[in-house]
Amino acid sequence: MLLFAGIQVFGQKNEKFNARLTAFDISYTKPEGYVESDSILELINGAIPNRFGSSYYNLTSKKDSIVICFQFNGPIDTSNILSGFPGNDGGSFDPNKNYIPYKTRYEIFPAVYSARIYNADVSGMYDFVPFKNESAIGRYDKCKVIFIHKNNKVDVHLFYYYNKGNEKKVKRHIKATKGMLRFNN
């Protein structure tokens, strides 16, 4: 069982997570076989190192040593205030392409899959390097990220932390949890 350091107690369980689901009109079904936590975890890219964001909701597998962290990047700013800045894809900044990881190979899932599973415009996956000095999740060697993008709304990232040798298990967890988040419109 994984213990999270620095647990912050909210007035209502999962209050910040539920607020994001409501704000971005997302349905969530908690998958079987996981323990939920609303502790705040800093998600740091170990390759750079750079702070990626915070996770306000996490699932820990009861069976395997795998943690899923949820991160919301939104609402997407469509005001063009950042036009002229470079984007992650090497072109001009496009707020609807901010899901593209910086200098990292990524896979885009077919548009039909993104629409059917998530009711999203774009979804895909990439590898993320965990930051070893992070107290709660630094014990994991590897991380796969599923990103789910809804135009002009939000990017959702699901970080699947695991250790070397558990590649088959993490694939099974990704498959078992696909569709747990879905945009309502």
N, C-alpha and C. Protein backbone atom coordinates (compact mmCIF):
# COMPACT_ATOMS: atom_id res chain seq x y z
N MET A 1 0.86 -1.18 0.00
CA MET A 1 0.00 0.00 0.00
C MET A 1 0.90 1.23 0.00
N LEU A 2 0.57 2.18 -0.80
CA LEU A 2 1.34 3.41 -0.94
C LEU A 2 0.81 4.44 0.04
N LEU A 3 1.70 5.09 0.78
CA LEU A 3 1.31 6.16 1.69
C LEU A 3 1.70 7.49 1.07
N PHE A 4 0.79 8.45 1.08
CA PHE A 4 1.06 9.76 0.52
C PHE A 4 1.45 10.71 1.64
N ALA A 5 2.57 11.38 1.46
CA ALA A 5 3.01 12.38 2.43
C ALA A 5 2.31 13.70 2.13
N GLY A 6 2.08 14.48 3.14
CA GLY A 6 1.50 15.80 2.93
C GLY A 6 0.04 15.79 2.54
N ILE A 7 -0.72 14.92 3.12
CA ILE A 7 -2.14 14.85 2.80
C ILE A 7 -2.83 16.10 3.32
N GLN A 8 -3.63 16.70 2.46
CA GLN A 8 -4.39 17.89 2.82
C GLN A 8 -5.86 17.50 2.91
N VAL A 9 -6.51 17.85 3.98
CA VAL A 9 -7.90 17.49 4.19
C VAL A 9 -8.79 18.61 3.65
N PHE A 10 -9.76 18.24 2.84
CA PHE A 10 -10.70 19.19 2.28
C PHE A 10 -12.02 19.09 3.04
N GLY A 11 -12.87 20.09 2.87
CA GLY A 11 -14.18 20.08 3.52
C GLY A 11 -15.03 18.90 3.08
N GLN A 12 -14.90 18.50 1.84
CA GLN A 12 -15.65 17.39 1.29
C GLN A 12 -14.65 16.50 0.57
N LYS A 13 -14.82 15.19 0.67
CA LYS A 13 -13.90 14.29 -0.01
C LYS A 13 -13.93 14.54 -1.52
N ASN A 14 -12.77 14.64 -2.11
CA ASN A 14 -12.60 14.84 -3.55
C ASN A 14 -13.22 16.15 -4.04
N GLU A 15 -13.28 17.15 -3.19
CA GLU A 15 -13.92 18.42 -3.52
C GLU A 15 -13.33 19.08 -4.77
N LYS A 16 -12.00 19.18 -4.85
CA LYS A 16 -11.36 19.84 -6.00
C LYS A 16 -11.54 19.01 -7.27
N PHE A 17 -11.45 17.71 -7.15
CA PHE A 17 -11.65 16.83 -8.31
C PHE A 17 -13.08 16.96 -8.82
N ASN A 18 -14.05 16.90 -7.92
CA ASN A 18 -15.45 17.02 -8.32
C ASN A 18 -15.75 18.38 -8.93
N ALA A 19 -15.11 19.43 -8.42
CA ALA A 19 -15.31 20.77 -8.98
C ALA A 19 -14.82 20.82 -10.43
N ARG A 20 -13.71 20.16 -10.72
CA ARG A 20 -13.19 20.15 -12.09
C ARG A 20 -14.09 19.34 -13.01
N LEU A 21 -14.59 18.21 -12.52
CA LEU A 21 -15.52 17.41 -13.33
C LEU A 21 -16.74 18.24 -13.70
N THR A 22 -17.27 18.99 -12.74
CA THR A 22 -18.44 19.83 -12.98
C THR A 22 -18.09 20.98 -13.94
N ALA A 23 -16.99 21.66 -13.69
CA ALA A 23 -16.61 22.82 -14.50
C ALA A 23 -16.40 22.45 -15.97
N PHE A 24 -15.86 21.26 -16.22
CA PHE A 24 -15.56 20.86 -17.59
C PHE A 24 -16.58 19.87 -18.16
N ASP A 25 -17.67 19.64 -17.42
CA ASP A 25 -18.78 18.79 -17.87
C ASP A 25 -18.29 17.39 -18.25
N ILE A 26 -17.63 16.74 -17.27
CA ILE A 26 -17.07 15.41 -17.47
C ILE A 26 -17.75 14.43 -16.52
N SER A 27 -18.12 13.27 -17.06
CA SER A 27 -18.64 12.18 -16.23
C SER A 27 -17.48 11.29 -15.80
N TYR A 28 -17.55 10.80 -14.58
CA TYR A 28 -16.49 9.93 -14.05
C TYR A 28 -17.12 8.71 -13.39
N THR A 29 -16.59 7.55 -13.71
CA THR A 29 -16.99 6.30 -13.08
C THR A 29 -15.74 5.70 -12.45
N LYS A 30 -15.72 5.59 -11.13
CA LYS A 30 -14.56 5.03 -10.45
C LYS A 30 -14.44 3.55 -10.79
N PRO A 31 -13.29 3.14 -11.31
CA PRO A 31 -13.10 1.73 -11.65
C PRO A 31 -12.93 0.86 -10.41
N GLU A 32 -13.30 -0.40 -10.53
CA GLU A 32 -13.15 -1.36 -9.44
C GLU A 32 -11.67 -1.69 -9.24
N GLY A 33 -11.30 -2.00 -8.01
CA GLY A 33 -9.94 -2.45 -7.70
C GLY A 33 -8.95 -1.36 -7.36
N TYR A 34 -9.45 -0.16 -7.04
CA TYR A 34 -8.57 0.97 -6.73
C TYR A 34 -9.03 1.64 -5.44
N VAL A 35 -8.06 2.23 -4.74
CA VAL A 35 -8.34 3.05 -3.57
C VAL A 35 -8.12 4.49 -4.01
N GLU A 36 -9.08 5.37 -3.69
CA GLU A 36 -8.98 6.77 -4.11
C GLU A 36 -8.37 7.62 -3.00
N SER A 37 -7.73 8.70 -3.43
CA SER A 37 -7.12 9.65 -2.51
C SER A 37 -7.26 11.05 -3.09
N ASP A 38 -7.52 12.02 -2.23
CA ASP A 38 -7.59 13.40 -2.72
C ASP A 38 -6.39 14.21 -2.24
N SER A 39 -5.27 13.52 -1.99
CA SER A 39 -4.05 14.23 -1.61
C SER A 39 -3.49 14.95 -2.83
N ILE A 40 -2.85 16.09 -2.60
CA ILE A 40 -2.27 16.87 -3.68
C ILE A 40 -0.85 16.36 -3.96
N LEU A 41 -0.59 16.00 -5.20
CA LEU A 41 0.73 15.54 -5.60
C LEU A 41 1.27 16.45 -6.68
N GLU A 42 2.52 16.85 -6.55
CA GLU A 42 3.18 17.64 -7.58
C GLU A 42 3.70 16.69 -8.64
N LEU A 43 3.38 16.95 -9.89
CA LEU A 43 3.82 16.13 -11.01
C LEU A 43 4.98 16.84 -11.67
N ILE A 44 6.17 16.24 -11.55
CA ILE A 44 7.39 16.88 -12.04
C ILE A 44 8.03 16.01 -13.10
N ASN A 45 8.35 16.62 -14.23
CA ASN A 45 9.01 15.93 -15.32
C ASN A 45 10.48 15.73 -14.94
N GLY A 46 10.88 14.49 -14.74
CA GLY A 46 12.24 14.19 -14.32
C GLY A 46 13.27 14.36 -15.43
N ALA A 47 12.83 14.44 -16.69
CA ALA A 47 13.76 14.60 -17.80
C ALA A 47 14.28 16.03 -17.89
N ILE A 48 13.50 17.00 -17.43
CA ILE A 48 13.90 18.40 -17.63
C ILE A 48 14.69 18.94 -16.43
N PRO A 49 14.45 18.84 -15.16
CA PRO A 49 13.19 18.66 -14.44
C PRO A 49 12.38 19.97 -14.40
N ASN A 50 11.08 19.79 -14.52
CA ASN A 50 10.18 20.93 -14.57
C ASN A 50 8.83 20.50 -13.99
N ARG A 51 8.20 21.40 -13.27
CA ARG A 51 6.89 21.10 -12.69
C ARG A 51 5.86 21.05 -13.81
N PHE A 52 5.17 19.94 -13.92
CA PHE A 52 4.13 19.77 -14.94
C PHE A 52 2.79 20.30 -14.45
N GLY A 53 2.51 20.07 -13.18
CA GLY A 53 1.24 20.50 -12.61
C GLY A 53 0.98 19.75 -11.32
N SER A 54 -0.27 19.80 -10.87
CA SER A 54 -0.66 19.12 -9.64
C SER A 54 -1.80 18.16 -9.91
N SER A 55 -1.82 17.10 -9.14
CA SER A 55 -2.92 16.14 -9.19
C SER A 55 -3.69 16.27 -7.89
N TYR A 56 -5.00 16.42 -7.98
CA TYR A 56 -5.85 16.55 -6.79
C TYR A 56 -6.64 15.28 -6.51
N TYR A 57 -6.46 14.28 -7.36
CA TYR A 57 -7.19 13.03 -7.19
C TYR A 57 -6.31 11.92 -7.74
N ASN A 58 -6.23 10.81 -7.01
CA ASN A 58 -5.34 9.72 -7.38
C ASN A 58 -6.01 8.38 -7.07
N LEU A 59 -5.67 7.40 -7.87
CA LEU A 59 -6.14 6.03 -7.64
C LEU A 59 -4.92 5.14 -7.45
N THR A 60 -4.96 4.29 -6.44
CA THR A 60 -3.91 3.32 -6.21
C THR A 60 -4.49 1.93 -6.37
N SER A 61 -3.85 1.13 -7.19
CA SER A 61 -4.32 -0.23 -7.42
C SER A 61 -4.23 -1.03 -6.13
N LYS A 62 -5.28 -1.78 -5.82
CA LYS A 62 -5.26 -2.65 -4.65
C LYS A 62 -4.37 -3.87 -4.87
N LYS A 63 -4.19 -4.25 -6.12
CA LYS A 63 -3.49 -5.47 -6.46
C LYS A 63 -2.04 -5.25 -6.90
N ASP A 64 -1.82 -4.25 -7.75
CA ASP A 64 -0.50 -4.01 -8.32
C ASP A 64 0.07 -2.68 -7.80
N SER A 65 1.36 -2.52 -7.98
CA SER A 65 2.02 -1.29 -7.55
C SER A 65 1.91 -0.25 -8.68
N ILE A 66 0.70 0.28 -8.84
CA ILE A 66 0.42 1.27 -9.89
C ILE A 66 -0.44 2.37 -9.30
N VAL A 67 -0.07 3.63 -9.58
CA VAL A 67 -0.82 4.79 -9.13
C VAL A 67 -1.24 5.59 -10.35
N ILE A 68 -2.49 6.02 -10.38
CA ILE A 68 -3.01 6.86 -11.46
C ILE A 68 -3.29 8.24 -10.88
N CYS A 69 -2.64 9.26 -11.45
CA CYS A 69 -2.84 10.64 -11.01
C CYS A 69 -3.60 11.40 -12.09
N PHE A 70 -4.59 12.18 -11.69
CA PHE A 70 -5.43 12.95 -12.60
C PHE A 70 -4.98 14.41 -12.58
N GLN A 71 -4.75 14.99 -13.76
CA GLN A 71 -4.34 16.38 -13.86
C GLN A 71 -5.19 17.07 -14.92
N PHE A 72 -5.72 18.24 -14.58
CA PHE A 72 -6.55 19.02 -15.50
C PHE A 72 -5.81 20.29 -15.87
N ASN A 73 -5.67 20.56 -17.15
CA ASN A 73 -5.02 21.77 -17.64
C ASN A 73 -6.09 22.58 -18.38
N GLY A 74 -6.71 23.50 -17.67
CA GLY A 74 -7.78 24.28 -18.27
C GLY A 74 -8.39 25.19 -17.24
N PRO A 75 -9.30 26.04 -17.63
CA PRO A 75 -9.87 26.08 -18.97
C PRO A 75 -8.88 26.61 -19.99
N ILE A 76 -9.06 26.19 -21.23
CA ILE A 76 -8.18 26.60 -22.32
C ILE A 76 -8.46 28.07 -22.64
N ASP A 77 -7.39 28.86 -22.70
CA ASP A 77 -7.50 30.30 -22.99
C ASP A 77 -7.52 30.50 -24.50
N THR A 78 -8.64 30.92 -25.02
CA THR A 78 -8.78 31.14 -26.46
C THR A 78 -8.73 32.63 -26.81
N SER A 79 -8.23 33.46 -25.91
CA SER A 79 -8.22 34.91 -26.13
C SER A 79 -7.12 35.38 -27.07
N ASN A 80 -6.24 34.49 -27.49
CA ASN A 80 -5.08 34.81 -28.35
C ASN A 80 -4.04 35.66 -27.65
N ILE A 81 -4.10 35.76 -26.33
CA ILE A 81 -3.12 36.54 -25.58
C ILE A 81 -1.71 35.97 -25.72
N LEU A 82 -1.62 34.66 -25.99
CA LEU A 82 -0.31 34.01 -26.12
C LEU A 82 0.11 33.83 -27.57
N SER A 83 -0.64 34.41 -28.51
CA SER A 83 -0.25 34.28 -29.92
C SER A 83 1.12 34.92 -30.12
N GLY A 84 1.91 34.29 -30.96
CA GLY A 84 3.28 34.77 -31.19
C GLY A 84 4.31 34.00 -30.39
N PHE A 85 3.89 33.37 -29.29
CA PHE A 85 4.80 32.53 -28.52
C PHE A 85 4.98 31.20 -29.23
N PRO A 86 6.14 30.54 -29.02
CA PRO A 86 6.33 29.23 -29.64
C PRO A 86 5.47 28.16 -28.96
N GLY A 87 4.96 27.24 -29.74
CA GLY A 87 4.17 26.13 -29.21
C GLY A 87 5.03 24.90 -29.00
N ASN A 88 4.50 23.92 -28.31
CA ASN A 88 5.24 22.68 -28.05
C ASN A 88 5.56 21.90 -29.31
N ASP A 89 4.77 22.15 -30.38
CA ASP A 89 5.00 21.41 -31.63
C ASP A 89 6.00 22.12 -32.55
N GLY A 90 6.60 23.24 -32.10
CA GLY A 90 7.58 23.97 -32.89
C GLY A 90 6.98 25.11 -33.69
N GLY A 91 5.67 25.12 -33.85
CA GLY A 91 5.00 26.21 -34.56
C GLY A 91 4.58 27.30 -33.59
N SER A 92 3.66 28.15 -34.03
CA SER A 92 3.11 29.17 -33.15
C SER A 92 2.22 28.52 -32.10
N PHE A 93 2.15 29.16 -30.94
CA PHE A 93 1.34 28.62 -29.85
C PHE A 93 -0.12 28.52 -30.27
N ASP A 94 -0.69 27.35 -30.07
CA ASP A 94 -2.11 27.10 -30.32
C ASP A 94 -2.67 26.51 -29.04
N PRO A 95 -3.60 27.19 -28.36
CA PRO A 95 -4.10 26.68 -27.08
C PRO A 95 -4.77 25.31 -27.20
N ASN A 96 -5.20 24.96 -28.40
CA ASN A 96 -5.81 23.65 -28.60
C ASN A 96 -4.80 22.58 -29.03
N LYS A 97 -3.51 22.91 -28.92
CA LYS A 97 -2.46 21.91 -29.15
C LYS A 97 -1.50 21.87 -27.97
N ASN A 98 -1.94 22.38 -26.83
CA ASN A 98 -1.08 22.42 -25.65
C ASN A 98 -0.92 21.05 -25.00
N TYR A 99 -1.69 20.08 -25.44
CA TYR A 99 -1.56 18.70 -24.94
C TYR A 99 -0.29 18.05 -25.47
N ILE A 100 0.30 18.60 -26.52
CA ILE A 100 1.49 18.00 -27.12
C ILE A 100 2.65 18.12 -26.13
N PRO A 101 3.25 16.99 -25.74
CA PRO A 101 4.35 17.05 -24.78
C PRO A 101 5.61 17.67 -25.40
N TYR A 102 6.33 18.43 -24.59
CA TYR A 102 7.52 19.13 -25.04
C TYR A 102 8.67 18.16 -25.28
N LYS A 103 9.18 18.15 -26.51
CA LYS A 103 10.34 17.33 -26.89
C LYS A 103 10.19 15.88 -26.47
N THR A 104 8.99 15.33 -26.64
CA THR A 104 8.71 13.94 -26.27
C THR A 104 7.91 13.29 -27.40
N ARG A 105 8.26 12.07 -27.72
CA ARG A 105 7.48 11.33 -28.72
C ARG A 105 6.12 10.99 -28.13
N TYR A 106 5.11 11.08 -28.95
CA TYR A 106 3.76 10.77 -28.50
C TYR A 106 2.97 10.11 -29.60
N GLU A 107 1.92 9.44 -29.21
CA GLU A 107 1.03 8.74 -30.14
C GLU A 107 -0.35 9.38 -30.04
N ILE A 108 -0.93 9.68 -31.18
CA ILE A 108 -2.31 10.18 -31.22
C ILE A 108 -3.21 8.99 -31.56
N PHE A 109 -4.24 8.80 -30.75
CA PHE A 109 -5.20 7.74 -31.03
C PHE A 109 -6.10 8.16 -32.19
N PRO A 110 -6.67 7.21 -32.92
CA PRO A 110 -7.58 7.56 -34.02
C PRO A 110 -8.74 8.44 -33.51
N ALA A 111 -9.16 9.39 -34.35
CA ALA A 111 -10.23 10.33 -33.98
C ALA A 111 -11.51 9.59 -33.60
N VAL A 112 -11.80 8.51 -34.28
CA VAL A 112 -13.01 7.72 -33.98
C VAL A 112 -12.94 7.15 -32.56
N TYR A 113 -11.76 6.68 -32.16
CA TYR A 113 -11.55 6.15 -30.80
C TYR A 113 -11.73 7.27 -29.77
N SER A 114 -11.10 8.43 -30.00
CA SER A 114 -11.20 9.55 -29.05
C SER A 114 -12.65 9.97 -28.87
N ALA A 115 -13.39 10.02 -29.95
CA ALA A 115 -14.81 10.42 -29.88
C ALA A 115 -15.65 9.35 -29.18
N ARG A 116 -15.42 8.08 -29.51
CA ARG A 116 -16.24 7.00 -28.95
C ARG A 116 -15.96 6.77 -27.47
N ILE A 117 -14.70 6.75 -27.06
CA ILE A 117 -14.35 6.43 -25.68
C ILE A 117 -14.49 7.63 -24.76
N TYR A 118 -14.01 8.80 -25.18
CA TYR A 118 -13.94 9.97 -24.30
C TYR A 118 -14.88 11.12 -24.70
N ASN A 119 -15.51 11.02 -25.87
CA ASN A 119 -16.25 12.14 -26.46
C ASN A 119 -15.33 13.36 -26.54
N ALA A 120 -14.08 13.11 -26.93
CA ALA A 120 -13.04 14.13 -26.99
C ALA A 120 -12.64 14.38 -28.44
N ASP A 121 -11.95 15.50 -28.67
CA ASP A 121 -11.46 15.82 -30.00
C ASP A 121 -10.16 15.09 -30.32
N VAL A 122 -9.31 14.94 -29.31
CA VAL A 122 -8.01 14.29 -29.49
C VAL A 122 -7.69 13.53 -28.20
N SER A 123 -7.06 12.38 -28.35
CA SER A 123 -6.49 11.68 -27.20
C SER A 123 -5.26 10.93 -27.69
N GLY A 124 -4.41 10.56 -26.75
CA GLY A 124 -3.20 9.86 -27.12
C GLY A 124 -2.41 9.47 -25.89
N MET A 125 -1.15 9.08 -26.13
CA MET A 125 -0.33 8.56 -25.03
C MET A 125 1.13 8.91 -25.27
N TYR A 126 1.86 9.08 -24.17
CA TYR A 126 3.31 9.26 -24.24
C TYR A 126 3.93 8.79 -22.93
N ASP A 127 5.27 8.60 -22.97
CA ASP A 127 6.03 8.23 -21.77
C ASP A 127 6.48 9.50 -21.06
N PHE A 128 6.42 9.46 -19.75
CA PHE A 128 6.78 10.58 -18.88
C PHE A 128 7.85 10.08 -17.92
N VAL A 129 8.90 10.87 -17.71
CA VAL A 129 9.99 10.46 -16.80
C VAL A 129 9.66 10.95 -15.39
N PRO A 130 9.44 10.02 -14.44
CA PRO A 130 9.15 10.44 -13.06
C PRO A 130 10.36 11.14 -12.42
N PHE A 131 10.07 12.09 -11.56
CA PHE A 131 11.09 12.82 -10.82
C PHE A 131 11.39 12.04 -9.54
N LYS A 132 12.62 11.59 -9.38
CA LYS A 132 12.98 10.70 -8.27
C LYS A 132 12.92 11.36 -6.90
N ASN A 133 13.00 12.68 -6.81
CA ASN A 133 12.99 13.34 -5.51
C ASN A 133 11.59 13.68 -5.02
N GLU A 134 10.56 13.30 -5.75
CA GLU A 134 9.18 13.56 -5.33
C GLU A 134 8.83 12.52 -4.27
N SER A 135 8.43 12.96 -3.10
CA SER A 135 8.28 12.05 -1.95
C SER A 135 7.22 10.97 -2.15
N ALA A 136 6.10 11.28 -2.74
CA ALA A 136 5.01 10.30 -2.82
C ALA A 136 5.12 9.37 -4.01
N ILE A 137 5.51 9.88 -5.17
CA ILE A 137 5.53 9.04 -6.36
C ILE A 137 6.92 8.87 -6.96
N GLY A 138 7.95 9.33 -6.26
CA GLY A 138 9.32 9.22 -6.73
C GLY A 138 9.88 7.81 -6.71
N ARG A 139 9.16 6.89 -6.11
CA ARG A 139 9.65 5.50 -6.05
C ARG A 139 9.35 4.72 -7.33
N TYR A 140 8.64 5.36 -8.25
CA TYR A 140 8.30 4.69 -9.50
C TYR A 140 9.31 5.05 -10.59
N ASP A 141 9.71 4.03 -11.39
CA ASP A 141 10.69 4.20 -12.45
C ASP A 141 10.09 4.77 -13.73
N LYS A 142 8.83 4.45 -13.96
CA LYS A 142 8.23 4.75 -15.26
C LYS A 142 6.85 5.36 -15.10
N CYS A 143 6.39 5.97 -16.20
CA CYS A 143 5.06 6.55 -16.20
C CYS A 143 4.56 6.65 -17.64
N LYS A 144 3.36 6.22 -17.85
CA LYS A 144 2.67 6.42 -19.13
C LYS A 144 1.59 7.46 -18.88
N VAL A 145 1.41 8.36 -19.84
CA VAL A 145 0.40 9.40 -19.72
C VAL A 145 -0.61 9.25 -20.86
N ILE A 146 -1.87 9.22 -20.48
CA ILE A 146 -2.96 9.30 -21.45
C ILE A 146 -3.44 10.75 -21.40
N PHE A 147 -3.48 11.40 -22.55
CA PHE A 147 -4.03 12.76 -22.59
C PHE A 147 -5.34 12.75 -23.35
N ILE A 148 -6.26 13.56 -22.86
CA ILE A 148 -7.60 13.65 -23.44
C ILE A 148 -7.88 15.15 -23.63
N HIS A 149 -8.14 15.55 -24.87
CA HIS A 149 -8.30 16.97 -25.18
C HIS A 149 -9.68 17.26 -25.74
N LYS A 150 -10.31 18.29 -25.19
CA LYS A 150 -11.58 18.80 -25.72
C LYS A 150 -11.32 20.24 -26.16
N ASN A 151 -11.53 20.51 -27.46
CA ASN A 151 -11.25 21.84 -28.00
C ASN A 151 -11.92 22.95 -27.19
N ASN A 152 -11.15 24.00 -26.95
CA ASN A 152 -11.61 25.21 -26.25
C ASN A 152 -12.12 24.94 -24.84
N LYS A 153 -11.78 23.78 -24.27
CA LYS A 153 -12.28 23.44 -22.95
C LYS A 153 -11.15 23.08 -21.98
N VAL A 154 -10.52 21.92 -22.16
CA VAL A 154 -9.55 21.43 -21.18
C VAL A 154 -8.71 20.29 -21.77
N ASP A 155 -7.51 20.12 -21.21
CA ASP A 155 -6.69 18.93 -21.43
C ASP A 155 -6.68 18.16 -20.12
N VAL A 156 -6.97 16.88 -20.18
CA VAL A 156 -6.91 16.01 -19.01
C VAL A 156 -5.76 15.04 -19.23
N HIS A 157 -4.91 14.90 -18.21
CA HIS A 157 -3.79 13.96 -18.28
C HIS A 157 -3.96 12.92 -17.19
N LEU A 158 -3.85 11.66 -17.56
CA LEU A 158 -3.88 10.55 -16.60
C LEU A 158 -2.48 9.95 -16.55
N PHE A 159 -1.82 10.11 -15.42
CA PHE A 159 -0.45 9.63 -15.22
C PHE A 159 -0.50 8.25 -14.58
N TYR A 160 -0.01 7.24 -15.27
CA TYR A 160 0.02 5.86 -14.75
C TYR A 160 1.46 5.57 -14.31
N TYR A 161 1.74 5.70 -13.01
CA TYR A 161 3.07 5.45 -12.46
C TYR A 161 3.23 3.96 -12.15
N TYR A 162 4.38 3.41 -12.56
CA TYR A 162 4.66 1.99 -12.35
C TYR A 162 6.16 1.77 -12.35
N ASN A 163 6.59 0.55 -12.05
CA ASN A 163 8.01 0.23 -12.04
C ASN A 163 8.38 -0.67 -13.20
N LYS A 164 9.66 -0.61 -13.57
CA LYS A 164 10.20 -1.43 -14.65
C LYS A 164 9.82 -2.89 -14.41
N GLY A 165 9.43 -3.57 -15.47
CA GLY A 165 9.01 -4.96 -15.36
C GLY A 165 7.50 -5.11 -15.26
N ASN A 166 6.80 -4.01 -15.06
CA ASN A 166 5.33 -4.05 -14.95
C ASN A 166 4.64 -3.48 -16.18
N GLU A 167 5.31 -3.53 -17.34
CA GLU A 167 4.74 -2.97 -18.56
C GLU A 167 3.42 -3.65 -18.94
N LYS A 168 3.34 -4.97 -18.80
CA LYS A 168 2.10 -5.68 -19.12
C LYS A 168 0.98 -5.29 -18.15
N LYS A 169 1.34 -5.11 -16.89
CA LYS A 169 0.32 -4.73 -15.90
C LYS A 169 -0.21 -3.33 -16.17
N VAL A 170 0.67 -2.39 -16.51
CA VAL A 170 0.19 -1.03 -16.75
C VAL A 170 -0.69 -0.99 -17.99
N LYS A 171 -0.36 -1.78 -19.01
CA LYS A 171 -1.22 -1.86 -20.20
C LYS A 171 -2.60 -2.37 -19.82
N ARG A 172 -2.63 -3.35 -18.92
CA ARG A 172 -3.91 -3.89 -18.46
C ARG A 172 -4.71 -2.84 -17.68
N HIS A 173 -4.01 -2.03 -16.87
CA HIS A 173 -4.69 -0.97 -16.10
C HIS A 173 -5.21 0.13 -17.03
N ILE A 174 -4.42 0.48 -18.04
CA ILE A 174 -4.88 1.49 -19.00
C ILE A 174 -6.13 1.00 -19.71
N LYS A 175 -6.11 -0.25 -20.11
CA LYS A 175 -7.28 -0.83 -20.80
C LYS A 175 -8.50 -0.88 -19.87
N ALA A 176 -8.28 -1.25 -18.62
CA ALA A 176 -9.39 -1.38 -17.65
C ALA A 176 -9.99 -0.03 -17.26
N THR A 177 -9.21 1.04 -17.38
CA THR A 177 -9.70 2.35 -16.95
C THR A 177 -10.09 3.26 -18.11
N LYS A 178 -9.93 2.78 -19.34
CA LYS A 178 -10.34 3.64 -20.46
C LYS A 178 -11.84 3.88 -20.38
N GLY A 179 -12.22 5.06 -20.62
CA GLY A 179 -13.63 5.40 -20.55
C GLY A 179 -14.14 5.77 -19.16
N MET A 180 -13.25 5.75 -18.15
CA MET A 180 -13.70 6.15 -16.80
C MET A 180 -14.01 7.65 -16.77
N LEU A 181 -13.38 8.41 -17.69
CA LEU A 181 -13.68 9.83 -17.86
C LEU A 181 -14.29 10.01 -19.24
N ARG A 182 -15.35 10.80 -19.31
CA ARG A 182 -15.99 11.06 -20.61
C ARG A 182 -16.66 12.43 -20.60
N PHE A 183 -16.36 13.23 -21.63
CA PHE A 183 -17.01 14.53 -21.77
C PHE A 183 -18.49 14.31 -22.08
N ASN A 184 -19.34 15.09 -21.43
CA ASN A 184 -20.77 14.95 -21.65
C ASN A 184 -21.24 15.62 -22.93
N ASN A 185 -20.55 16.65 -23.37
CA ASN A 185 -20.93 17.27 -24.66
C ASN A 185 -19.71 17.80 -25.36
